[in-house]
Amino acid sequence: MEKETTEICKDIVDTANALSTLFLEDYKRLAANEFANLSTKQKIILELLRVQNRSINEIAQYFSITASAASQLVSKLEKEGFVKREINPHNRREIIVELGDKGHQYNEMVSENQNYIIEKYYAKLPKKDLETLLELHQKLYEIVVETQKSE
């Protein structure tokens, strides 16, 4: 890659990281106190479960940890009512993790925070710019997914 392209890419990564940091500050201010003590891994588990239920093994694979370690992470969330575990009726050896009541409350708070970020920042961009930004993010996402598959 030519030097100029590399510099542009570095600037993109730096700006994306800076934006994430700024957004995180807004999230911290908006997050309810009852969710303040969640670890980063616990928040990631809740985000994974927001999309779909997961098995303990899937959670372990995501973090590159043992199933036992993943089970310990889930146990802490389960004790506080963020998640529930159930035996998979199609494979009785597999434990499925799904959101509990507090997990649903957490994800409602995340959605409210996302809406706040959208209204405060993204809504100030013209629609065409938002469409272009989305298209570029989707292209980059596809590149990352395909590259990681082939590794």
N, C-alpha and C. Protein backbone atom coordinates (compact mmCIF):
# COMPACT_ATOMS: atom_id res chain seq x y z
N MET A 1 0.85 -1.18 0.00
CA MET A 1 0.00 0.00 0.00
C MET A 1 0.90 1.24 0.00
N GLU A 2 0.50 2.23 -0.77
CA GLU A 2 1.30 3.44 -0.83
C GLU A 2 1.18 4.24 0.47
N LYS A 3 2.21 5.04 0.73
CA LYS A 3 2.31 5.76 1.99
C LYS A 3 1.11 6.68 2.24
N GLU A 4 0.67 7.39 1.20
CA GLU A 4 -0.45 8.33 1.35
C GLU A 4 -1.73 7.58 1.77
N THR A 5 -1.99 6.43 1.16
CA THR A 5 -3.16 5.63 1.50
C THR A 5 -3.06 5.13 2.93
N THR A 6 -1.87 4.71 3.33
CA THR A 6 -1.65 4.26 4.71
C THR A 6 -1.95 5.37 5.70
N GLU A 7 -1.52 6.58 5.40
CA GLU A 7 -1.77 7.72 6.29
C GLU A 7 -3.26 8.03 6.39
N ILE A 8 -3.95 7.95 5.27
CA ILE A 8 -5.40 8.17 5.28
C ILE A 8 -6.08 7.12 6.16
N CYS A 9 -5.67 5.87 5.99
CA CYS A 9 -6.24 4.78 6.78
C CYS A 9 -5.98 4.98 8.27
N LYS A 10 -4.78 5.40 8.63
CA LYS A 10 -4.45 5.68 10.03
C LYS A 10 -5.35 6.78 10.58
N ASP A 11 -5.56 7.82 9.78
CA ASP A 11 -6.44 8.92 10.21
C ASP A 11 -7.87 8.43 10.41
N ILE A 12 -8.34 7.55 9.54
CA ILE A 12 -9.69 6.98 9.68
C ILE A 12 -9.80 6.19 10.97
N VAL A 13 -8.81 5.32 11.23
CA VAL A 13 -8.83 4.50 12.45
C VAL A 13 -8.76 5.40 13.68
N ASP A 14 -7.88 6.40 13.66
CA ASP A 14 -7.77 7.31 14.81
C ASP A 14 -9.07 8.07 15.05
N THR A 15 -9.69 8.53 14.00
CA THR A 15 -10.95 9.27 14.14
C THR A 15 -12.06 8.36 14.64
N ALA A 16 -12.12 7.14 14.12
CA ALA A 16 -13.14 6.19 14.59
C ALA A 16 -12.95 5.88 16.07
N ASN A 17 -11.70 5.69 16.49
CA ASN A 17 -11.43 5.44 17.92
C ASN A 17 -11.79 6.64 18.77
N ALA A 18 -11.48 7.85 18.29
CA ALA A 18 -11.82 9.06 19.04
C ALA A 18 -13.34 9.21 19.16
N LEU A 19 -14.06 8.93 18.08
CA LEU A 19 -15.52 8.99 18.13
C LEU A 19 -16.08 7.99 19.13
N SER A 20 -15.54 6.77 19.10
CA SER A 20 -16.00 5.75 20.05
C SER A 20 -15.79 6.22 21.49
N THR A 21 -14.67 6.84 21.75
CA THR A 21 -14.38 7.35 23.09
C THR A 21 -15.38 8.43 23.49
N LEU A 22 -15.66 9.35 22.56
CA LEU A 22 -16.63 10.41 22.85
C LEU A 22 -18.03 9.84 23.07
N PHE A 23 -18.43 8.89 22.24
CA PHE A 23 -19.74 8.27 22.41
C PHE A 23 -19.81 7.54 23.74
N LEU A 24 -18.71 6.89 24.12
CA LEU A 24 -18.66 6.18 25.40
C LEU A 24 -18.90 7.13 26.56
N GLU A 25 -18.37 8.34 26.47
CA GLU A 25 -18.60 9.33 27.52
C GLU A 25 -20.09 9.65 27.64
N ASP A 26 -20.78 9.79 26.51
CA ASP A 26 -22.23 10.02 26.55
C ASP A 26 -22.94 8.82 27.16
N TYR A 27 -22.55 7.61 26.76
CA TYR A 27 -23.17 6.41 27.31
C TYR A 27 -22.99 6.34 28.83
N LYS A 28 -21.79 6.67 29.29
CA LYS A 28 -21.52 6.62 30.74
C LYS A 28 -22.43 7.58 31.49
N ARG A 29 -22.61 8.77 30.94
CA ARG A 29 -23.47 9.76 31.59
C ARG A 29 -24.93 9.32 31.59
N LEU A 30 -25.32 8.59 30.55
CA LEU A 30 -26.72 8.21 30.40
C LEU A 30 -27.07 6.88 31.06
N ALA A 31 -26.06 6.05 31.30
CA ALA A 31 -26.31 4.71 31.84
C ALA A 31 -26.85 4.78 33.26
N ALA A 32 -27.84 3.97 33.50
CA ALA A 32 -28.42 3.91 34.84
C ALA A 32 -27.41 3.31 35.82
N ASN A 33 -27.47 3.73 37.06
CA ASN A 33 -26.53 3.26 38.09
C ASN A 33 -26.55 1.75 38.26
N GLU A 34 -27.71 1.13 38.08
CA GLU A 34 -27.79 -0.32 38.28
C GLU A 34 -26.98 -1.10 37.24
N PHE A 35 -26.58 -0.44 36.14
CA PHE A 35 -25.81 -1.10 35.10
C PHE A 35 -24.34 -0.69 35.13
N ALA A 36 -23.99 0.24 36.01
CA ALA A 36 -22.64 0.79 36.04
C ALA A 36 -21.58 -0.24 36.43
N ASN A 37 -21.95 -1.26 37.17
CA ASN A 37 -20.97 -2.24 37.66
C ASN A 37 -20.74 -3.41 36.71
N LEU A 38 -21.39 -3.40 35.56
CA LEU A 38 -21.17 -4.48 34.60
C LEU A 38 -19.78 -4.35 33.98
N SER A 39 -19.10 -5.48 33.86
CA SER A 39 -17.79 -5.46 33.20
C SER A 39 -17.98 -5.36 31.70
N THR A 40 -16.91 -5.07 31.00
CA THR A 40 -16.97 -4.98 29.54
C THR A 40 -17.42 -6.32 28.95
N LYS A 41 -16.88 -7.42 29.44
CA LYS A 41 -17.27 -8.74 28.92
C LYS A 41 -18.75 -9.01 29.17
N GLN A 42 -19.24 -8.62 30.33
CA GLN A 42 -20.66 -8.82 30.62
C GLN A 42 -21.53 -8.00 29.67
N LYS A 43 -21.11 -6.77 29.38
CA LYS A 43 -21.85 -5.94 28.44
C LYS A 43 -21.83 -6.55 27.04
N ILE A 44 -20.70 -7.12 26.66
CA ILE A 44 -20.59 -7.75 25.34
C ILE A 44 -21.52 -8.96 25.28
N ILE A 45 -21.59 -9.74 26.34
CA ILE A 45 -22.50 -10.90 26.37
C ILE A 45 -23.94 -10.42 26.18
N LEU A 46 -24.32 -9.36 26.89
CA LEU A 46 -25.67 -8.84 26.74
C LEU A 46 -25.93 -8.34 25.32
N GLU A 47 -24.91 -7.75 24.71
CA GLU A 47 -25.05 -7.29 23.32
C GLU A 47 -25.19 -8.49 22.38
N LEU A 48 -24.42 -9.55 22.60
CA LEU A 48 -24.54 -10.76 21.78
C LEU A 48 -25.94 -11.36 21.90
N LEU A 49 -26.47 -11.36 23.12
CA LEU A 49 -27.79 -11.93 23.36
C LEU A 49 -28.91 -11.03 22.85
N ARG A 50 -28.59 -9.78 22.67
CA ARG A 50 -29.58 -8.84 22.11
C ARG A 50 -29.96 -9.27 20.70
N VAL A 51 -29.00 -9.81 19.97
CA VAL A 51 -29.21 -10.23 18.59
C VAL A 51 -29.89 -11.60 18.55
N GLN A 52 -29.39 -12.54 19.38
CA GLN A 52 -29.97 -13.89 19.42
C GLN A 52 -29.45 -14.62 20.65
N ASN A 53 -30.19 -15.65 21.07
CA ASN A 53 -29.74 -16.49 22.16
C ASN A 53 -28.47 -17.21 21.74
N ARG A 54 -27.61 -17.51 22.71
CA ARG A 54 -26.33 -18.17 22.41
C ARG A 54 -26.12 -19.34 23.37
N SER A 55 -25.33 -20.29 22.90
CA SER A 55 -24.93 -21.38 23.78
C SER A 55 -23.69 -20.93 24.56
N ILE A 56 -23.42 -21.64 25.66
CA ILE A 56 -22.21 -21.37 26.43
C ILE A 56 -20.98 -21.52 25.54
N ASN A 57 -20.98 -22.53 24.69
CA ASN A 57 -19.84 -22.75 23.80
C ASN A 57 -19.65 -21.60 22.81
N GLU A 58 -20.74 -21.05 22.30
CA GLU A 58 -20.63 -19.90 21.39
C GLU A 58 -20.03 -18.69 22.10
N ILE A 59 -20.45 -18.47 23.33
CA ILE A 59 -19.90 -17.37 24.12
C ILE A 59 -18.42 -17.61 24.38
N ALA A 60 -18.07 -18.83 24.72
CA ALA A 60 -16.67 -19.18 24.95
C ALA A 60 -15.83 -18.94 23.70
N GLN A 61 -16.33 -19.35 22.55
CA GLN A 61 -15.61 -19.15 21.29
C GLN A 61 -15.44 -17.67 20.99
N TYR A 62 -16.47 -16.88 21.24
CA TYR A 62 -16.39 -15.45 20.95
C TYR A 62 -15.24 -14.80 21.72
N PHE A 63 -15.08 -15.19 22.99
CA PHE A 63 -14.04 -14.60 23.83
C PHE A 63 -12.73 -15.38 23.80
N SER A 64 -12.71 -16.49 23.09
CA SER A 64 -11.54 -17.39 23.07
C SER A 64 -11.16 -17.83 24.48
N ILE A 65 -12.17 -18.28 25.21
CA ILE A 65 -11.97 -18.80 26.57
C ILE A 65 -12.62 -20.18 26.65
N THR A 66 -12.41 -20.85 27.76
CA THR A 66 -13.01 -22.17 27.93
C THR A 66 -14.50 -22.04 28.21
N ALA A 67 -15.22 -23.13 27.99
CA ALA A 67 -16.65 -23.14 28.30
C ALA A 67 -16.87 -22.91 29.79
N SER A 68 -15.96 -23.42 30.61
CA SER A 68 -16.05 -23.23 32.06
C SER A 68 -15.94 -21.74 32.43
N ALA A 69 -14.99 -21.05 31.81
CA ALA A 69 -14.82 -19.62 32.07
C ALA A 69 -16.04 -18.84 31.59
N ALA A 70 -16.57 -19.22 30.43
CA ALA A 70 -17.78 -18.55 29.91
C ALA A 70 -18.95 -18.79 30.85
N SER A 71 -19.04 -20.00 31.37
CA SER A 71 -20.11 -20.34 32.30
C SER A 71 -20.03 -19.50 33.57
N GLN A 72 -18.81 -19.22 34.03
CA GLN A 72 -18.63 -18.36 35.21
C GLN A 72 -19.09 -16.94 34.93
N LEU A 73 -18.76 -16.42 33.74
CA LEU A 73 -19.22 -15.08 33.34
C LEU A 73 -20.76 -15.03 33.33
N VAL A 74 -21.35 -16.05 32.75
CA VAL A 74 -22.80 -16.12 32.65
C VAL A 74 -23.43 -16.27 34.03
N SER A 75 -22.78 -17.03 34.91
CA SER A 75 -23.32 -17.22 36.27
C SER A 75 -23.50 -15.90 37.01
N LYS A 76 -22.52 -15.01 36.87
CA LYS A 76 -22.62 -13.71 37.54
C LYS A 76 -23.81 -12.92 36.99
N LEU A 77 -23.98 -12.96 35.68
CA LEU A 77 -25.11 -12.26 35.07
C LEU A 77 -26.45 -12.90 35.46
N GLU A 78 -26.43 -14.22 35.59
CA GLU A 78 -27.65 -14.94 35.95
C GLU A 78 -28.09 -14.62 37.38
N LYS A 79 -27.12 -14.54 38.30
CA LYS A 79 -27.43 -14.22 39.70
C LYS A 79 -28.11 -12.87 39.84
N GLU A 80 -27.74 -11.95 38.94
CA GLU A 80 -28.31 -10.59 39.02
C GLU A 80 -29.55 -10.42 38.13
N GLY A 81 -29.99 -11.51 37.47
CA GLY A 81 -31.21 -11.46 36.68
C GLY A 81 -31.05 -10.92 35.26
N PHE A 82 -29.80 -10.79 34.80
CA PHE A 82 -29.58 -10.29 33.45
C PHE A 82 -29.80 -11.35 32.39
N VAL A 83 -29.51 -12.60 32.73
CA VAL A 83 -29.67 -13.70 31.78
C VAL A 83 -30.33 -14.89 32.45
N LYS A 84 -30.81 -15.81 31.60
CA LYS A 84 -31.35 -17.09 32.06
C LYS A 84 -30.67 -18.18 31.25
N ARG A 85 -30.53 -19.33 31.86
CA ARG A 85 -29.99 -20.49 31.14
C ARG A 85 -31.06 -21.55 31.04
N GLU A 86 -31.07 -22.20 29.89
CA GLU A 86 -31.99 -23.32 29.69
C GLU A 86 -31.29 -24.42 28.92
N ILE A 87 -31.70 -25.63 29.15
CA ILE A 87 -31.16 -26.75 28.39
C ILE A 87 -31.82 -26.73 27.01
N ASN A 88 -31.00 -26.90 25.99
CA ASN A 88 -31.50 -26.94 24.62
C ASN A 88 -32.35 -28.19 24.45
N PRO A 89 -33.63 -28.04 24.13
CA PRO A 89 -34.50 -29.23 24.00
C PRO A 89 -34.09 -30.16 22.85
N HIS A 90 -33.33 -29.63 21.89
CA HIS A 90 -32.89 -30.43 20.74
C HIS A 90 -31.54 -31.10 20.97
N ASN A 91 -30.81 -30.62 21.98
CA ASN A 91 -29.51 -31.19 22.33
C ASN A 91 -29.33 -30.99 23.83
N ARG A 92 -29.69 -31.97 24.61
CA ARG A 92 -29.76 -31.83 26.06
C ARG A 92 -28.40 -31.57 26.70
N ARG A 93 -27.32 -31.74 25.95
CA ARG A 93 -25.98 -31.45 26.51
C ARG A 93 -25.60 -29.98 26.35
N GLU A 94 -26.42 -29.23 25.65
CA GLU A 94 -26.10 -27.83 25.36
C GLU A 94 -26.95 -26.90 26.22
N ILE A 95 -26.29 -25.89 26.77
CA ILE A 95 -26.97 -24.87 27.57
C ILE A 95 -27.14 -23.62 26.72
N ILE A 96 -28.37 -23.13 26.63
CA ILE A 96 -28.68 -21.92 25.88
C ILE A 96 -28.85 -20.77 26.88
N VAL A 97 -28.23 -19.64 26.55
CA VAL A 97 -28.32 -18.45 27.39
C VAL A 97 -29.20 -17.44 26.67
N GLU A 98 -30.14 -16.86 27.41
CA GLU A 98 -31.01 -15.83 26.85
C GLU A 98 -31.14 -14.70 27.85
N LEU A 99 -31.64 -13.57 27.38
CA LEU A 99 -31.79 -12.41 28.25
C LEU A 99 -32.84 -12.66 29.32
N GLY A 100 -32.53 -12.20 30.53
CA GLY A 100 -33.49 -12.18 31.62
C GLY A 100 -34.12 -10.80 31.68
N ASP A 101 -34.93 -10.55 32.71
CA ASP A 101 -35.63 -9.27 32.82
C ASP A 101 -34.67 -8.09 32.86
N LYS A 102 -33.63 -8.17 33.67
CA LYS A 102 -32.69 -7.05 33.75
C LYS A 102 -31.88 -6.92 32.46
N GLY A 103 -31.66 -8.01 31.75
CA GLY A 103 -30.99 -7.95 30.46
C GLY A 103 -31.82 -7.19 29.45
N HIS A 104 -33.14 -7.41 29.48
CA HIS A 104 -34.02 -6.66 28.59
C HIS A 104 -34.02 -5.18 28.98
N GLN A 105 -34.01 -4.90 30.28
CA GLN A 105 -33.95 -3.50 30.74
C GLN A 105 -32.64 -2.84 30.29
N TYR A 106 -31.55 -3.58 30.40
CA TYR A 106 -30.25 -3.06 29.96
C TYR A 106 -30.30 -2.72 28.47
N ASN A 107 -30.83 -3.61 27.68
CA ASN A 107 -30.88 -3.38 26.23
C ASN A 107 -31.84 -2.25 25.87
N GLU A 108 -32.89 -2.04 26.65
CA GLU A 108 -33.76 -0.88 26.44
C GLU A 108 -32.97 0.40 26.69
N MET A 109 -32.15 0.40 27.75
CA MET A 109 -31.32 1.56 28.05
C MET A 109 -30.32 1.80 26.93
N VAL A 110 -29.72 0.75 26.38
CA VAL A 110 -28.78 0.89 25.27
C VAL A 110 -29.50 1.49 24.06
N SER A 111 -30.71 1.02 23.77
CA SER A 111 -31.48 1.56 22.64
C SER A 111 -31.78 3.04 22.84
N GLU A 112 -32.16 3.41 24.06
CA GLU A 112 -32.42 4.82 24.35
C GLU A 112 -31.16 5.65 24.17
N ASN A 113 -30.03 5.12 24.59
CA ASN A 113 -28.76 5.83 24.41
C ASN A 113 -28.41 5.97 22.93
N GLN A 114 -28.65 4.91 22.16
CA GLN A 114 -28.39 4.99 20.72
C GLN A 114 -29.26 6.07 20.08
N ASN A 115 -30.51 6.13 20.47
CA ASN A 115 -31.40 7.17 19.93
C ASN A 115 -30.90 8.56 20.31
N TYR A 116 -30.40 8.69 21.53
CA TYR A 116 -29.85 9.96 21.98
C TYR A 116 -28.66 10.37 21.10
N ILE A 117 -27.74 9.43 20.85
CA ILE A 117 -26.56 9.68 20.02
C ILE A 117 -27.00 10.06 18.59
N ILE A 118 -27.98 9.34 18.09
CA ILE A 118 -28.47 9.61 16.73
C ILE A 118 -29.03 11.02 16.65
N GLU A 119 -29.88 11.37 17.59
CA GLU A 119 -30.50 12.70 17.56
C GLU A 119 -29.49 13.81 17.82
N LYS A 120 -28.55 13.57 18.71
CA LYS A 120 -27.59 14.60 19.09
C LYS A 120 -26.53 14.84 18.01
N TYR A 121 -26.11 13.76 17.32
CA TYR A 121 -24.99 13.89 16.39
C TYR A 121 -25.34 13.52 14.95
N TYR A 122 -25.75 12.28 14.74
CA TYR A 122 -25.95 11.79 13.38
C TYR A 122 -27.03 12.58 12.63
N ALA A 123 -28.07 13.00 13.32
CA ALA A 123 -29.17 13.72 12.68
C ALA A 123 -28.71 15.07 12.11
N LYS A 124 -27.54 15.53 12.51
CA LYS A 124 -27.02 16.79 11.99
C LYS A 124 -26.34 16.63 10.64
N LEU A 125 -26.13 15.40 10.22
CA LEU A 125 -25.54 15.14 8.90
C LEU A 125 -26.65 15.06 7.85
N PRO A 126 -26.36 15.49 6.65
CA PRO A 126 -27.34 15.32 5.58
C PRO A 126 -27.60 13.84 5.31
N LYS A 127 -28.81 13.53 4.87
CA LYS A 127 -29.20 12.15 4.62
C LYS A 127 -28.23 11.47 3.65
N LYS A 128 -27.81 12.18 2.61
CA LYS A 128 -26.89 11.61 1.62
C LYS A 128 -25.57 11.19 2.28
N ASP A 129 -25.07 12.01 3.19
CA ASP A 129 -23.84 11.66 3.90
C ASP A 129 -24.05 10.42 4.77
N LEU A 130 -25.21 10.33 5.41
CA LEU A 130 -25.51 9.16 6.24
C LEU A 130 -25.57 7.90 5.38
N GLU A 131 -26.18 8.01 4.22
CA GLU A 131 -26.26 6.86 3.31
C GLU A 131 -24.87 6.43 2.86
N THR A 132 -24.02 7.41 2.55
CA THR A 132 -22.64 7.10 2.14
C THR A 132 -21.87 6.46 3.29
N LEU A 133 -22.02 7.00 4.49
CA LEU A 133 -21.36 6.45 5.67
C LEU A 133 -21.79 5.01 5.91
N LEU A 134 -23.08 4.76 5.81
CA LEU A 134 -23.60 3.40 5.99
C LEU A 134 -23.03 2.46 4.93
N GLU A 135 -23.03 2.91 3.69
CA GLU A 135 -22.51 2.08 2.60
C GLU A 135 -21.04 1.73 2.83
N LEU A 136 -20.25 2.70 3.26
CA LEU A 136 -18.83 2.45 3.52
C LEU A 136 -18.63 1.50 4.70
N HIS A 137 -19.41 1.69 5.75
CA HIS A 137 -19.30 0.78 6.91
C HIS A 137 -19.68 -0.64 6.51
N GLN A 138 -20.72 -0.78 5.69
CA GLN A 138 -21.13 -2.10 5.25
C GLN A 138 -20.05 -2.76 4.39
N LYS A 139 -19.44 -2.00 3.51
CA LYS A 139 -18.36 -2.54 2.68
C LYS A 139 -17.18 -2.99 3.55
N LEU A 140 -16.80 -2.16 4.50
CA LEU A 140 -15.70 -2.52 5.38
C LEU A 140 -16.04 -3.75 6.21
N TYR A 141 -17.28 -3.83 6.68
CA TYR A 141 -17.73 -4.99 7.45
C TYR A 141 -17.60 -6.27 6.61
N GLU A 142 -18.04 -6.21 5.37
CA GLU A 142 -17.95 -7.38 4.49
C GLU A 142 -16.50 -7.78 4.26
N ILE A 143 -15.61 -6.82 4.09
CA ILE A 143 -14.19 -7.12 3.91
C ILE A 143 -13.63 -7.82 5.14
N VAL A 144 -13.96 -7.30 6.32
CA VAL A 144 -13.47 -7.89 7.57
C VAL A 144 -13.98 -9.31 7.73
N VAL A 145 -15.27 -9.51 7.50
CA VAL A 145 -15.86 -10.85 7.65
C VAL A 145 -15.20 -11.83 6.69
N GLU A 146 -15.06 -11.45 5.43
CA GLU A 146 -14.46 -12.35 4.43
C GLU A 146 -12.98 -12.63 4.75
N THR A 147 -12.27 -11.60 5.18
CA THR A 147 -10.84 -11.79 5.51
C THR A 147 -10.68 -12.70 6.71
N GLN A 148 -11.53 -12.52 7.72
CA GLN A 148 -11.41 -13.37 8.92
C GLN A 148 -11.81 -14.81 8.62
N LYS A 149 -12.74 -15.01 7.71
CA LYS A 149 -13.13 -16.37 7.32
C LYS A 149 -11.98 -17.12 6.69
N SER A 150 -11.18 -16.39 5.91
CA SER A 150 -10.11 -17.04 5.16
C SER A 150 -8.83 -17.21 5.99
N GLU A 151 -8.80 -16.68 7.18
CA GLU A 151 -7.58 -16.79 8.02
C GLU A 151 -7.54 -18.12 8.74
